[in-house]
């Protein structure tokens, strides 16, 4: 085996490991924010003993792209409240918090106004 083949093999291995690390990052660490308004007219009660509620809401990303997102809570949320949802490809919804309408990015705000 000569030095040229060894260098090509090492470069290939480094590129492969870098690609794997990048895929791992986007699958397990990268989250995207979505914005929506709470609509309690279609909330689903999951279990009477655990007081769990399931929401499936049309949400909008910072750039206005639409996505239906489902998540569960231990209580019914305040109707007509605006929330920001942190969503990961691998884990789904990882957190949510109530936000003021003025704190929502303009493209998502425009989509929510037209709802």
PDB file of N, CA and C in Angstrom:
ATOM      1  N   UNK A   1       0.855  -1.185   0.000  1.00  0.00           N
ATOM      2  CA  UNK A   1       0.000   0.000   0.000  1.00  0.00           C
ATOM      3  C   UNK A   1       0.892   1.236   0.000  1.00  0.00           C
ATOM      4  N   UNK A   2       0.601   2.140  -0.887  1.00  0.00           N
ATOM      5  CA  UNK A   2       1.443   3.324  -0.959  1.00  0.00           C
ATOM      6  C   UNK A   2       0.823   4.494  -0.188  1.00  0.00           C
ATOM      7  N   UNK A   3       1.575   5.558  -0.068  1.00  0.00           N
ATOM      8  CA  UNK A   3       1.169   6.725   0.722  1.00  0.00           C
ATOM      9  C   UNK A   3      -0.053   7.407   0.115  1.00  0.00           C
ATOM     10  N   UNK A   4      -0.142   7.434  -1.201  1.00  0.00           N
ATOM     11  CA  UNK A   4      -1.275   8.091  -1.870  1.00  0.00           C
ATOM     12  C   UNK A   4      -2.598   7.400  -1.499  1.00  0.00           C
ATOM     13  N   UNK A   5      -2.632   6.095  -1.526  1.00  0.00           N
ATOM     14  CA  UNK A   5      -3.845   5.349  -1.170  1.00  0.00           C
ATOM     15  C   UNK A   5      -4.195   5.528   0.305  1.00  0.00           C
ATOM     16  N   UNK A   6      -3.180   5.577   1.147  1.00  0.00           N
ATOM     17  CA  UNK A   6      -3.423   5.781   2.578  1.00  0.00           C
ATOM     18  C   UNK A   6      -4.025   7.160   2.835  1.00  0.00           C
ATOM     19  N   UNK A   7      -3.516   8.189   2.144  1.00  0.00           N
ATOM     20  CA  UNK A   7      -4.059   9.557   2.309  1.00  0.00           C
ATOM     21  C   UNK A   7      -5.505   9.627   1.840  1.00  0.00           C
ATOM     22  N   UNK A   8      -5.804   8.986   0.738  1.00  0.00           N
ATOM     23  CA  UNK A   8      -7.181   8.977   0.222  1.00  0.00           C
ATOM     24  C   UNK A   8      -8.104   8.268   1.225  1.00  0.00           C
ATOM     25  N   UNK A   9      -7.633   7.180   1.806  1.00  0.00           N
ATOM     26  CA  UNK A   9      -8.431   6.462   2.807  1.00  0.00           C
ATOM     27  C   UNK A   9      -8.672   7.297   4.054  1.00  0.00           C
ATOM     28  N   UNK A  10      -7.663   8.007   4.528  1.00  0.00           N
ATOM     29  CA  UNK A  10      -7.806   8.855   5.717  1.00  0.00           C
ATOM     30  C   UNK A  10      -8.753  10.011   5.434  1.00  0.00           C
ATOM     31  N   UNK A  11      -8.615  10.653   4.277  1.00  0.00           N
ATOM     32  CA  UNK A  11      -9.503  11.768   3.914  1.00  0.00           C
ATOM     33  C   UNK A  11     -10.948  11.279   3.809  1.00  0.00           C
ATOM     34  N   UNK A  12     -11.140  10.101   3.205  1.00  0.00           N
ATOM     35  CA  UNK A  12     -12.485   9.533   3.100  1.00  0.00           C
ATOM     36  C   UNK A  12     -13.096   9.253   4.464  1.00  0.00           C
ATOM     37  N   UNK A  13     -12.283   8.720   5.384  1.00  0.00           N
ATOM     38  CA  UNK A  13     -12.762   8.420   6.732  1.00  0.00           C
ATOM     39  C   UNK A  13     -13.124   9.696   7.485  1.00  0.00           C
ATOM     40  N   UNK A  14     -12.312  10.737   7.346  1.00  0.00           N
ATOM     41  CA  UNK A  14     -12.598  12.016   8.005  1.00  0.00           C
ATOM     42  C   UNK A  14     -13.893  12.614   7.462  1.00  0.00           C
ATOM     43  N   UNK A  15     -14.078  12.577   6.152  1.00  0.00           N
ATOM     44  CA  UNK A  15     -15.322  13.086   5.564  1.00  0.00           C
ATOM     45  C   UNK A  15     -16.532  12.284   6.028  1.00  0.00           C
ATOM     46  N   UNK A  16     -16.398  10.965   6.089  1.00  0.00           N
ATOM     47  CA  UNK A  16     -17.490  10.112   6.552  1.00  0.00           C
ATOM     48  C   UNK A  16     -17.857  10.421   8.002  1.00  0.00           C
ATOM     49  N   UNK A  17     -16.868  10.532   8.877  1.00  0.00           N
ATOM     50  CA  UNK A  17     -17.131  10.846  10.290  1.00  0.00           C
ATOM     51  C   UNK A  17     -17.743  12.241  10.449  1.00  0.00           C
ATOM     52  N   UNK A  18     -17.280  13.185   9.652  1.00  0.00           N
ATOM     53  CA  UNK A  18     -17.858  14.536   9.690  1.00  0.00           C
ATOM     54  C   UNK A  18     -19.318  14.529   9.275  1.00  0.00           C
ATOM     55  N   UNK A  19     -19.643  13.780   8.238  1.00  0.00           N
ATOM     56  CA  UNK A  19     -21.026  13.660   7.788  1.00  0.00           C
ATOM     57  C   UNK A  19     -21.896  13.001   8.852  1.00  0.00           C
ATOM     58  N   UNK A  20     -21.372  11.969   9.493  1.00  0.00           N
ATOM     59  CA  UNK A  20     -22.118  11.299  10.574  1.00  0.00           C
ATOM     60  C   UNK A  20     -22.376  12.264  11.734  1.00  0.00           C
ATOM     61  N   UNK A  21     -21.375  13.047  12.110  1.00  0.00           N
ATOM     62  CA  UNK A  21     -21.533  14.013  13.199  1.00  0.00           C
ATOM     63  C   UNK A  21     -22.570  15.067  12.832  1.00  0.00           C
ATOM     64  N   UNK A  22     -22.568  15.520  11.597  1.00  0.00           N
ATOM     65  CA  UNK A  22     -23.543  16.517  11.140  1.00  0.00           C
ATOM     66  C   UNK A  22     -24.958  15.949  11.169  1.00  0.00           C
ATOM     67  N   UNK A  23     -25.123  14.723  10.709  1.00  0.00           N
ATOM     68  CA  UNK A  23     -26.443  14.086  10.741  1.00  0.00           C
ATOM     69  C   UNK A  23     -26.919  13.902  12.184  1.00  0.00           C
ATOM     70  N   UNK A  24     -26.037  13.502  13.077  1.00  0.00           N
ATOM     71  CA  UNK A  24     -26.380  13.336  14.482  1.00  0.00           C
ATOM     72  C   UNK A  24     -26.831  14.666  15.088  1.00  0.00           C
ATOM     73  N   UNK A  25     -26.130  15.754  14.770  1.00  0.00           N
ATOM     74  CA  UNK A  25     -26.481  17.076  15.286  1.00  0.00           C
ATOM     75  C   UNK A  25     -27.890  17.461  14.844  1.00  0.00           C
ATOM     76  N   UNK A  26     -28.176  17.338  13.566  1.00  0.00           N
ATOM     77  CA  UNK A  26     -29.489  17.750  13.079  1.00  0.00           C
ATOM     78  C   UNK A  26     -30.607  16.836  13.577  1.00  0.00           C
ATOM     79  N   UNK A  27     -30.310  15.590  13.838  1.00  0.00           N
ATOM     80  CA  UNK A  27     -31.336  14.669  14.315  1.00  0.00           C
ATOM     81  C   UNK A  27     -31.614  14.815  15.809  1.00  0.00           C
ATOM     82  N   UNK A  28     -30.604  15.170  16.614  1.00  0.00           N
ATOM     83  CA  UNK A  28     -30.777  15.137  18.064  1.00  0.00           C
ATOM     84  C   UNK A  28     -30.569  16.468  18.782  1.00  0.00           C
ATOM     85  N   UNK A  29     -30.041  17.471  18.109  1.00  0.00           N
ATOM     86  CA  UNK A  29     -29.790  18.739  18.796  1.00  0.00           C
ATOM     87  C   UNK A  29     -30.459  19.938  18.139  1.00  0.00           C
ATOM     88  N   UNK A  30     -30.671  19.901  16.866  1.00  0.00           N
ATOM     89  CA  UNK A  30     -31.241  21.034  16.146  1.00  0.00           C
ATOM     90  C   UNK A  30     -32.755  21.063  16.355  1.00  0.00           C
ATOM     91  N   UNK A  31     -33.262  22.173  16.838  1.00  0.00           N
ATOM     92  CA  UNK A  31     -34.708  22.325  16.988  1.00  0.00           C
ATOM     93  C   UNK A  31     -35.160  23.520  16.161  1.00  0.00           C
ATOM     94  N   UNK A  32     -36.430  23.522  15.832  1.00  0.00           N
ATOM     95  CA  UNK A  32     -37.012  24.595  15.041  1.00  0.00           C
ATOM     96  C   UNK A  32     -38.203  25.146  15.807  1.00  0.00           C
ATOM     97  N   UNK A  33     -38.369  26.456  15.771  1.00  0.00           N
ATOM     98  CA  UNK A  33     -39.483  27.100  16.454  1.00  0.00           C
ATOM     99  C   UNK A  33     -40.687  27.216  15.533  1.00  0.00           C
ATOM    100  N   UNK A  34     -41.846  26.887  16.087  1.00  0.00           N
ATOM    101  CA  UNK A  34     -43.125  27.046  15.391  1.00  0.00           C
ATOM    102  C   UNK A  34     -44.049  27.855  16.294  1.00  0.00           C
ATOM    103  N   UNK A  35     -44.964  28.585  15.675  1.00  0.00           N
ATOM    104  CA  UNK A  35     -45.885  29.454  16.409  1.00  0.00           C
ATOM    105  C   UNK A  35     -47.310  29.085  16.046  1.00  0.00           C
ATOM    106  N   UNK A  36     -48.191  29.101  17.062  1.00  0.00           N
ATOM    107  CA  UNK A  36     -49.583  28.755  16.833  1.00  0.00           C
ATOM    108  C   UNK A  36     -50.460  29.425  17.879  1.00  0.00           C
ATOM    109  N   UNK A  37     -51.754  29.272  17.697  1.00  0.00           N
ATOM    110  CA  UNK A  37     -52.731  29.794  18.657  1.00  0.00           C
ATOM    111  C   UNK A  37     -53.525  28.604  19.193  1.00  0.00           C
ATOM    112  N   UNK A  38     -53.783  28.612  20.488  1.00  0.00           N
ATOM    113  CA  UNK A  38     -54.496  27.502  21.126  1.00  0.00           C
ATOM    114  C   UNK A  38     -55.970  27.539  20.736  1.00  0.00           C
ATOM    115  N   UNK A  39     -56.451  26.387  20.286  1.00  0.00           N
ATOM    116  CA  UNK A  39     -57.861  26.212  19.929  1.00  0.00           C
ATOM    117  C   UNK A  39     -58.389  25.027  20.735  1.00  0.00           C
ATOM    118  N   UNK A  40     -59.129  25.326  21.782  1.00  0.00           N
ATOM    119  CA  UNK A  40     -59.634  24.261  22.655  1.00  0.00           C
ATOM    120  C   UNK A  40     -60.880  23.568  22.115  1.00  0.00           C
ATOM    121  N   UNK A  41     -61.351  23.978  20.953  1.00  0.00           N
ATOM    122  CA  UNK A  41     -62.545  23.336  20.413  1.00  0.00           C
ATOM    123  C   UNK A  41     -62.257  21.929  19.886  1.00  0.00           C
ATOM    124  N   UNK A  42     -60.989  21.626  19.593  1.00  0.00           N
ATOM    125  CA  UNK A  42     -60.685  20.284  19.093  1.00  0.00           C
ATOM    126  C   UNK A  42     -59.618  19.571  19.924  1.00  0.00           C
ATOM    127  N   UNK A  43     -59.492  19.938  21.198  1.00  0.00           N
ATOM    128  CA  UNK A  43     -58.556  19.246  22.083  1.00  0.00           C
ATOM    129  C   UNK A  43     -59.110  17.867  22.402  1.00  0.00           C
ATOM    130  N   UNK A  44     -58.224  16.895  22.510  1.00  0.00           N
ATOM    131  CA  UNK A  44     -58.638  15.517  22.774  1.00  0.00           C
ATOM    132  C   UNK A  44     -58.162  15.114  24.167  1.00  0.00           C
ATOM    133  N   UNK A  45     -59.083  14.660  25.005  1.00  0.00           N
ATOM    134  CA  UNK A  45     -58.712  14.166  26.325  1.00  0.00           C
ATOM    135  C   UNK A  45     -58.251  12.724  26.180  1.00  0.00           C
ATOM    136  N   UNK A  46     -57.034  12.447  26.645  1.00  0.00           N
ATOM    137  CA  UNK A  46     -56.429  11.139  26.440  1.00  0.00           C
ATOM    138  C   UNK A  46     -56.807  10.156  27.537  1.00  0.00           C
ATOM    139  N   UNK A  47     -56.682  10.581  28.783  1.00  0.00           N
ATOM    140  CA  UNK A  47     -56.867   9.653  29.899  1.00  0.00           C
ATOM    141  C   UNK A  47     -57.507  10.398  31.063  1.00  0.00           C
ATOM    142  N   UNK A  48     -58.593   9.882  31.590  1.00  0.00           N
ATOM    143  CA  UNK A  48     -59.291  10.544  32.685  1.00  0.00           C
ATOM    144  C   UNK A  48     -58.472  10.589  33.972  1.00  0.00           C
ATOM    145  N   UNK A  49     -57.602   9.618  34.203  1.00  0.00           N
ATOM    146  CA  UNK A  49     -56.863   9.575  35.464  1.00  0.00           C
ATOM    147  C   UNK A  49     -55.619  10.456  35.459  1.00  0.00           C
ATOM    148  N   UNK A  50     -54.969  10.616  34.321  1.00  0.00           N
ATOM    149  CA  UNK A  50     -53.740  11.408  34.252  1.00  0.00           C
ATOM    150  C   UNK A  50     -53.987  12.856  33.845  1.00  0.00           C
ATOM    151  N   UNK A  51     -55.214  13.201  33.519  1.00  0.00           N
ATOM    152  CA  UNK A  51     -55.558  14.552  33.079  1.00  0.00           C
ATOM    153  C   UNK A  51     -54.688  15.002  31.912  1.00  0.00           C
ATOM    154  N   UNK A  52     -54.499  14.131  30.950  1.00  0.00           N
ATOM    155  CA  UNK A  52     -53.689  14.475  29.785  1.00  0.00           C
ATOM    156  C   UNK A  52     -54.581  14.909  28.642  1.00  0.00           C
ATOM    157  N   UNK A  53     -54.099  15.923  27.952  1.00  0.00           N
ATOM    158  CA  UNK A  53     -54.806  16.466  26.800  1.00  0.00           C
ATOM    159  C   UNK A  53     -53.869  16.440  25.605  1.00  0.00           C
ATOM    160  N   UNK A  54     -54.424  16.136  24.442  1.00  0.00           N
ATOM    161  CA  UNK A  54     -53.631  16.116  23.212  1.00  0.00           C
ATOM    162  C   UNK A  54     -54.127  17.213  22.281  1.00  0.00           C
ATOM    163  N   UNK A  55     -53.178  18.035  21.857  1.00  0.00           N
ATOM    164  CA  UNK A  55     -53.462  19.108  20.910  1.00  0.00           C
ATOM    165  C   UNK A  55     -52.827  18.761  19.571  1.00  0.00           C
ATOM    166  N   UNK A  56     -53.551  18.995  18.491  1.00  0.00           N
ATOM    167  CA  UNK A  56     -53.013  18.940  17.140  1.00  0.00           C
ATOM    168  C   UNK A  56     -53.367  20.269  16.503  1.00  0.00           C
ATOM    169  N   UNK A  57     -52.340  21.096  16.316  1.00  0.00           N
ATOM    170  CA  UNK A  57     -52.560  22.476  15.876  1.00  0.00           C
ATOM    171  C   UNK A  57     -51.745  22.790  14.630  1.00  0.00           C
ATOM    172  N   UNK A  58     -52.325  23.582  13.759  1.00  0.00           N
ATOM    173  CA  UNK A  58     -51.586  24.082  12.613  1.00  0.00           C
ATOM    174  C   UNK A  58     -50.650  25.171  13.113  1.00  0.00           C
ATOM    175  N   UNK A  59     -49.376  24.987  12.841  1.00  0.00           N
ATOM    176  CA  UNK A  59     -48.348  25.892  13.349  1.00  0.00           C
ATOM    177  C   UNK A  59     -47.528  26.424  12.181  1.00  0.00           C
ATOM    178  N   UNK A  60     -46.818  27.535  12.434  1.00  0.00           N
ATOM    179  CA  UNK A  60     -46.056  28.187  11.377  1.00  0.00           C
ATOM    180  C   UNK A  60     -44.636  28.461  11.843  1.00  0.00           C
ATOM    181  N   UNK A  61     -43.682  28.182  10.966  1.00  0.00           N
ATOM    182  CA  UNK A  61     -42.279  28.435  11.273  1.00  0.00           C
ATOM    183  C   UNK A  61     -41.996  29.928  11.116  1.00  0.00           C
ATOM    184  N   UNK A  62     -40.783  30.310  11.451  1.00  0.00           N
ATOM    185  CA  UNK A  62     -40.335  31.704  11.346  1.00  0.00           C
ATOM    186  C   UNK A  62     -40.541  32.251   9.934  1.00  0.00           C
ATOM    187  N   UNK A  63     -40.370  31.389   8.929  1.00  0.00           N
ATOM    188  CA  UNK A  63     -40.517  31.829   7.540  1.00  0.00           C
ATOM    189  C   UNK A  63     -41.905  31.544   6.963  1.00  0.00           C
ATOM    190  N   UNK A  64     -42.871  31.202   7.821  1.00  0.00           N
ATOM    191  CA  UNK A  64     -44.269  31.072   7.407  1.00  0.00           C
ATOM    192  C   UNK A  64     -44.667  29.711   6.869  1.00  0.00           C
ATOM    193  N   UNK A  65     -43.797  28.718   6.965  1.00  0.00           N
ATOM    194  CA  UNK A  65     -44.151  27.379   6.478  1.00  0.00           C
ATOM    195  C   UNK A  65     -45.061  26.684   7.484  1.00  0.00           C
ATOM    196  N   UNK A  66     -46.105  26.052   6.947  1.00  0.00           N
ATOM    197  CA  UNK A  66     -47.143  25.421   7.777  1.00  0.00           C
ATOM    198  C   UNK A  66     -46.779  23.989   8.131  1.00  0.00           C
ATOM    199  N   UNK A  67     -47.112  23.584   9.365  1.00  0.00           N
ATOM    200  CA  UNK A  67     -46.900  22.206   9.813  1.00  0.00           C
ATOM    201  C   UNK A  67     -47.932  21.898  10.888  1.00  0.00           C
ATOM    202  N   UNK A  68     -48.592  20.757  10.776  1.00  0.00           N
ATOM    203  CA  UNK A  68     -49.492  20.298  11.828  1.00  0.00           C
ATOM    204  C   UNK A  68     -48.649  19.605  12.892  1.00  0.00           C
ATOM    205  N   UNK A  69     -48.726  20.106  14.120  1.00  0.00           N
ATOM    206  CA  UNK A  69     -47.918  19.584  15.214  1.00  0.00           C
ATOM    207  C   UNK A  69     -48.836  19.090  16.325  1.00  0.00           C
ATOM    208  N   UNK A  70     -48.527  17.899  16.843  1.00  0.00           N
ATOM    209  CA  UNK A  70     -49.277  17.326  17.960  1.00  0.00           C
ATOM    210  C   UNK A  70     -48.394  17.297  19.199  1.00  0.00           C
ATOM    211  N   UNK A  71     -49.002  17.594  20.348  1.00  0.00           N
ATOM    212  CA  UNK A  71     -48.292  17.496  21.621  1.00  0.00           C
ATOM    213  C   UNK A  71     -49.293  17.276  22.736  1.00  0.00           C
ATOM    214  N   UNK A  72     -48.803  16.792  23.868  1.00  0.00           N
ATOM    215  CA  UNK A  72     -49.658  16.496  25.008  1.00  0.00           C
ATOM    216  C   UNK A  72     -49.321  17.415  26.172  1.00  0.00           C
ATOM    217  N   UNK A  73     -50.339  17.724  26.971  1.00  0.00           N
ATOM    218  CA  UNK A  73     -50.158  18.534  28.171  1.00  0.00           C
ATOM    219  C   UNK A  73     -50.897  17.868  29.331  1.00  0.00           C
ATOM    220  N   UNK A  74     -50.578  18.320  30.528  1.00  0.00           N
ATOM    221  CA  UNK A  74     -51.258  17.782  31.710  1.00  0.00           C
ATOM    222  C   UNK A  74     -52.504  18.579  32.051  1.00  0.00           C
ATOM    223  N   UNK A  75     -52.699  19.679  31.358  1.00  0.00           N
ATOM    224  CA  UNK A  75     -53.878  20.512  31.619  1.00  0.00           C
ATOM    225  C   UNK A  75     -54.361  21.130  30.317  1.00  0.00           C
ATOM    226  N   UNK A  76     -55.577  21.586  30.311  1.00  0.00           N
ATOM    227  CA  UNK A  76     -56.112  22.284  29.154  1.00  0.00           C
ATOM    228  C   UNK A  76     -55.515  23.688  29.132  1.00  0.00           C
ATOM    229  N   UNK A  77     -55.044  24.109  27.979  1.00  0.00           N
ATOM    230  CA  UNK A  77     -54.383  25.404  27.864  1.00  0.00           C
ATOM    231  C   UNK A  77     -55.389  26.527  27.652  1.00  0.00           C
ATOM    232  N   UNK A  78     -54.930  27.741  27.915  1.00  0.00           N
ATOM    233  CA  UNK A  78     -55.789  28.921  27.785  1.00  0.00           C
ATOM    234  C   UNK A  78     -56.142  29.125  26.317  1.00  0.00           C
ATOM    235  N   UNK A  79     -57.439  29.181  26.048  1.00  0.00           N
ATOM    236  CA  UNK A  79     -57.917  29.353  24.685  1.00  0.00           C
ATOM    237  C   UNK A  79     -57.461  30.695  24.119  1.00  0.00           C
ATOM    238  N   UNK A  80     -57.116  30.693  22.837  1.00  0.00           N
ATOM    239  CA  UNK A  80     -56.669  31.873  22.084  1.00  0.00           C
ATOM    240  C   UNK A  80     -55.313  32.412  22.541  1.00  0.00           C
ATOM    241  N   UNK A  81     -54.565  31.633  23.301  1.00  0.00           N
ATOM    242  CA  UNK A  81     -53.206  32.039  23.688  1.00  0.00           C
ATOM    243  C   UNK A  81     -52.252  31.687  22.548  1.00  0.00           C
ATOM    244  N   UNK A  82     -51.245  32.514  22.335  1.00  0.00           N
ATOM    245  CA  UNK A  82     -50.217  32.240  21.332  1.00  0.00           C
ATOM    246  C   UNK A  82     -49.078  31.493  22.013  1.00  0.00           C
ATOM    247  N   UNK A  83     -48.594  30.447  21.352  1.00  0.00           N
ATOM    248  CA  UNK A  83     -47.484  29.702  21.934  1.00  0.00           C
ATOM    249  C   UNK A  83     -46.374  29.503  20.900  1.00  0.00           C
ATOM    250  N   UNK A  84     -45.160  29.373  21.420  1.00  0.00           N
ATOM    251  CA  UNK A  84     -43.994  29.026  20.613  1.00  0.00           C
ATOM    252  C   UNK A  84     -43.633  27.587  20.976  1.00  0.00           C
ATOM    253  N   UNK A  85     -43.516  26.748  19.964  1.00  0.00           N
ATOM    254  CA  UNK A  85     -43.226  25.331  20.138  1.00  0.00           C
ATOM    255  C   UNK A  85     -41.819  25.050  19.625  1.00  0.00           C
ATOM    256  N   UNK A  86     -41.014  24.383  20.435  1.00  0.00           N
ATOM    257  CA  UNK A  86     -39.701  23.897  19.977  1.00  0.00           C
ATOM    258  C   UNK A  86     -39.891  22.466  19.496  1.00  0.00           C
ATOM    259  N   UNK A  87     -39.572  22.229  18.232  1.00  0.00           N
ATOM    260  CA  UNK A  87     -39.818  20.938  17.585  1.00  0.00           C
ATOM    261  C   UNK A  87     -38.503  20.374  17.053  1.00  0.00           C
ATOM    262  N   UNK A  88     -38.251  19.097  17.351  1.00  0.00           N
ATOM    263  CA  UNK A  88     -37.074  18.397  16.830  1.00  0.00           C
ATOM    264  C   UNK A  88     -37.533  17.262  15.931  1.00  0.00           C
ATOM    265  N   UNK A  89     -36.800  17.032  14.876  1.00  0.00           N
ATOM    266  CA  UNK A  89     -37.161  15.974  13.937  1.00  0.00           C
ATOM    267  C   UNK A  89     -37.214  14.619  14.633  1.00  0.00           C
ATOM    268  N   UNK A  90     -36.246  14.339  15.479  1.00  0.00           N
ATOM    269  CA  UNK A  90     -36.159  13.013  16.095  1.00  0.00           C
ATOM    270  C   UNK A  90     -37.078  12.836  17.299  1.00  0.00           C
ATOM    271  N   UNK A  91     -37.410  13.932  18.008  1.00  0.00           N
ATOM    272  CA  UNK A  91     -38.164  13.802  19.261  1.00  0.00           C
ATOM    273  C   UNK A  91     -39.538  14.451  19.231  1.00  0.00           C
ATOM    274  N   UNK A  92     -39.859  15.187  18.207  1.00  0.00           N
ATOM    275  CA  UNK A  92     -41.127  15.898  18.161  1.00  0.00           C
ATOM    276  C   UNK A  92     -41.062  17.153  19.017  1.00  0.00           C
ATOM    277  N   UNK A  93     -42.142  17.473  19.714  1.00  0.00           N
ATOM    278  CA  UNK A  93     -42.197  18.675  20.553  1.00  0.00           C
ATOM    279  C   UNK A  93     -41.380  18.438  21.818  1.00  0.00           C
ATOM    280  N   UNK A  94     -40.411  19.316  22.059  1.00  0.00           N
ATOM    281  CA  UNK A  94     -39.584  19.186  23.260  1.00  0.00           C
ATOM    282  C   UNK A  94     -39.965  20.228  24.306  1.00  0.00           C
ATOM    283  N   UNK A  95     -40.583  21.334  23.884  1.00  0.00           N
ATOM    284  CA  UNK A  95     -41.065  22.338  24.840  1.00  0.00           C
ATOM    285  C   UNK A  95     -42.022  23.294  24.136  1.00  0.00           C
ATOM    286  N   UNK A  96     -42.769  24.003  24.959  1.00  0.00           N
ATOM    287  CA  UNK A  96     -43.639  25.054  24.442  1.00  0.00           C
ATOM    288  C   UNK A  96     -43.749  26.121  25.514  1.00  0.00           C
ATOM    289  N   UNK A  97     -44.021  27.348  25.091  1.00  0.00           N
ATOM    290  CA  UNK A  97     -44.213  28.451  26.025  1.00  0.00           C
ATOM    291  C   UNK A  97     -45.160  29.469  25.413  1.00  0.00           C
ATOM    292  N   UNK A  98     -45.915  30.119  26.274  1.00  0.00           N
ATOM    293  CA  UNK A  98     -46.825  31.161  25.808  1.00  0.00           C
ATOM    294  C   UNK A  98     -46.013  32.401  25.454  1.00  0.00           C
ATOM    295  N   UNK A  99     -46.366  33.043  24.342  1.00  0.00           N
ATOM    296  CA  UNK A  99     -45.684  34.254  23.904  1.00  0.00           C
ATOM    297  C   UNK A  99     -46.729  35.324  23.575  1.00  0.00           C
ATOM    298  N   UNK A 100     -46.274  36.548  23.534  1.00  0.00           N
ATOM    299  CA  UNK A 100     -47.134  37.653  23.123  1.00  0.00           C
ATOM    300  C   UNK A 100     -47.171  37.701  21.595  1.00  0.00           C
ATOM    301  N   UNK A 101     -48.270  38.175  21.043  1.00  0.00           N
ATOM    302  CA  UNK A 101     -48.425  38.236  19.597  1.00  0.00           C
ATOM    303  C   UNK A 101     -47.311  39.070  18.963  1.00  0.00           C
ATOM    304  N   UNK A 102     -46.898  40.141  19.621  1.00  0.00           N
ATOM    305  CA  UNK A 102     -45.858  41.015  19.082  1.00  0.00           C
ATOM    306  C   UNK A 102     -44.488  40.333  19.016  1.00  0.00           C
ATOM    307  N   UNK A 103     -44.290  39.251  19.767  1.00  0.00           N
ATOM    308  CA  UNK A 103     -43.012  38.539  19.779  1.00  0.00           C
ATOM    309  C   UNK A 103     -42.896  37.486  18.671  1.00  0.00           C
ATOM    310  N   UNK A 104     -43.955  37.293  17.922  1.00  0.00           N
ATOM    311  CA  UNK A 104     -43.966  36.295  16.847  1.00  0.00           C
ATOM    312  C   UNK A 104     -43.352  36.916  15.596  1.00  0.00           C
ATOM    313  N   UNK A 105     -42.475  36.183  14.881  1.00  0.00           N
ATOM    314  CA  UNK A 105     -41.889  36.702  13.639  1.00  0.00           C
ATOM    315  C   UNK A 105     -42.975  37.067  12.623  1.00  0.00           C
ATOM    316  N   UNK A 106     -42.695  38.060  11.803  1.00  0.00           N
ATOM    317  CA  UNK A 106     -43.715  38.660  10.940  1.00  0.00           C
ATOM    318  C   UNK A 106     -44.381  37.671   9.982  1.00  0.00           C
ATOM    319  N   UNK A 107     -43.640  36.771   9.356  1.00  0.00           N
ATOM    320  CA  UNK A 107     -44.264  35.833   8.403  1.00  0.00           C
ATOM    321  C   UNK A 107     -45.207  34.865   9.109  1.00  0.00           C
ATOM    322  N   UNK A 108     -44.823  34.392  10.280  1.00  0.00           N
ATOM    323  CA  UNK A 108     -45.706  33.512  11.053  1.00  0.00           C
ATOM    324  C   UNK A 108     -46.907  34.309  11.569  1.00  0.00           C
ATOM    325  N   UNK A 109     -46.666  35.549  11.982  1.00  0.00           N
ATOM    326  CA  UNK A 109     -47.743  36.409  12.481  1.00  0.00           C
ATOM    327  C   UNK A 109     -48.799  36.640  11.398  1.00  0.00           C
ATOM    328  N   UNK A 110     -48.350  36.875  10.162  1.00  0.00           N
ATOM    329  CA  UNK A 110     -49.289  37.083   9.060  1.00  0.00           C
ATOM    330  C   UNK A 110     -50.158  35.853   8.819  1.00  0.00           C
ATOM    331  N   UNK A 111     -49.557  34.671   8.927  1.00  0.00           N
ATOM    332  CA  UNK A 111     -50.325  33.431   8.737  1.00  0.00           C
ATOM    333  C   UNK A 111     -51.337  33.245   9.871  1.00  0.00           C
ATOM    334  N   UNK A 112     -50.951  33.575  11.107  1.00  0.00           N
ATOM    335  CA  UNK A 112     -51.859  33.423  12.231  1.00  0.00           C
ATOM    336  C   UNK A 112     -53.006  34.428  12.165  1.00  0.00           C
ATOM    337  N   UNK A 113     -52.742  35.619  11.663  1.00  0.00           N
ATOM    338  CA  UNK A 113     -53.798  36.632  11.525  1.00  0.00           C
ATOM    339  C   UNK A 113     -54.849  36.211  10.524  1.00  0.00           C
ATOM    340  N   UNK A 114     -54.435  35.485   9.493  1.00  0.00           N
ATOM    341  CA  UNK A 114     -55.368  35.085   8.433  1.00  0.00           C
ATOM    342  C   UNK A 114     -56.162  33.829   8.802  1.00  0.00           C
ATOM    343  N   UNK A 115     -55.863  33.221   9.952  1.00  0.00           N
ATOM    344  CA  UNK A 115     -56.589  32.026  10.397  1.00  0.00           C
ATOM    345  C   UNK A 115     -57.986  32.352  10.824  1.00  0.00           C
TER     346      UNK A 115
END
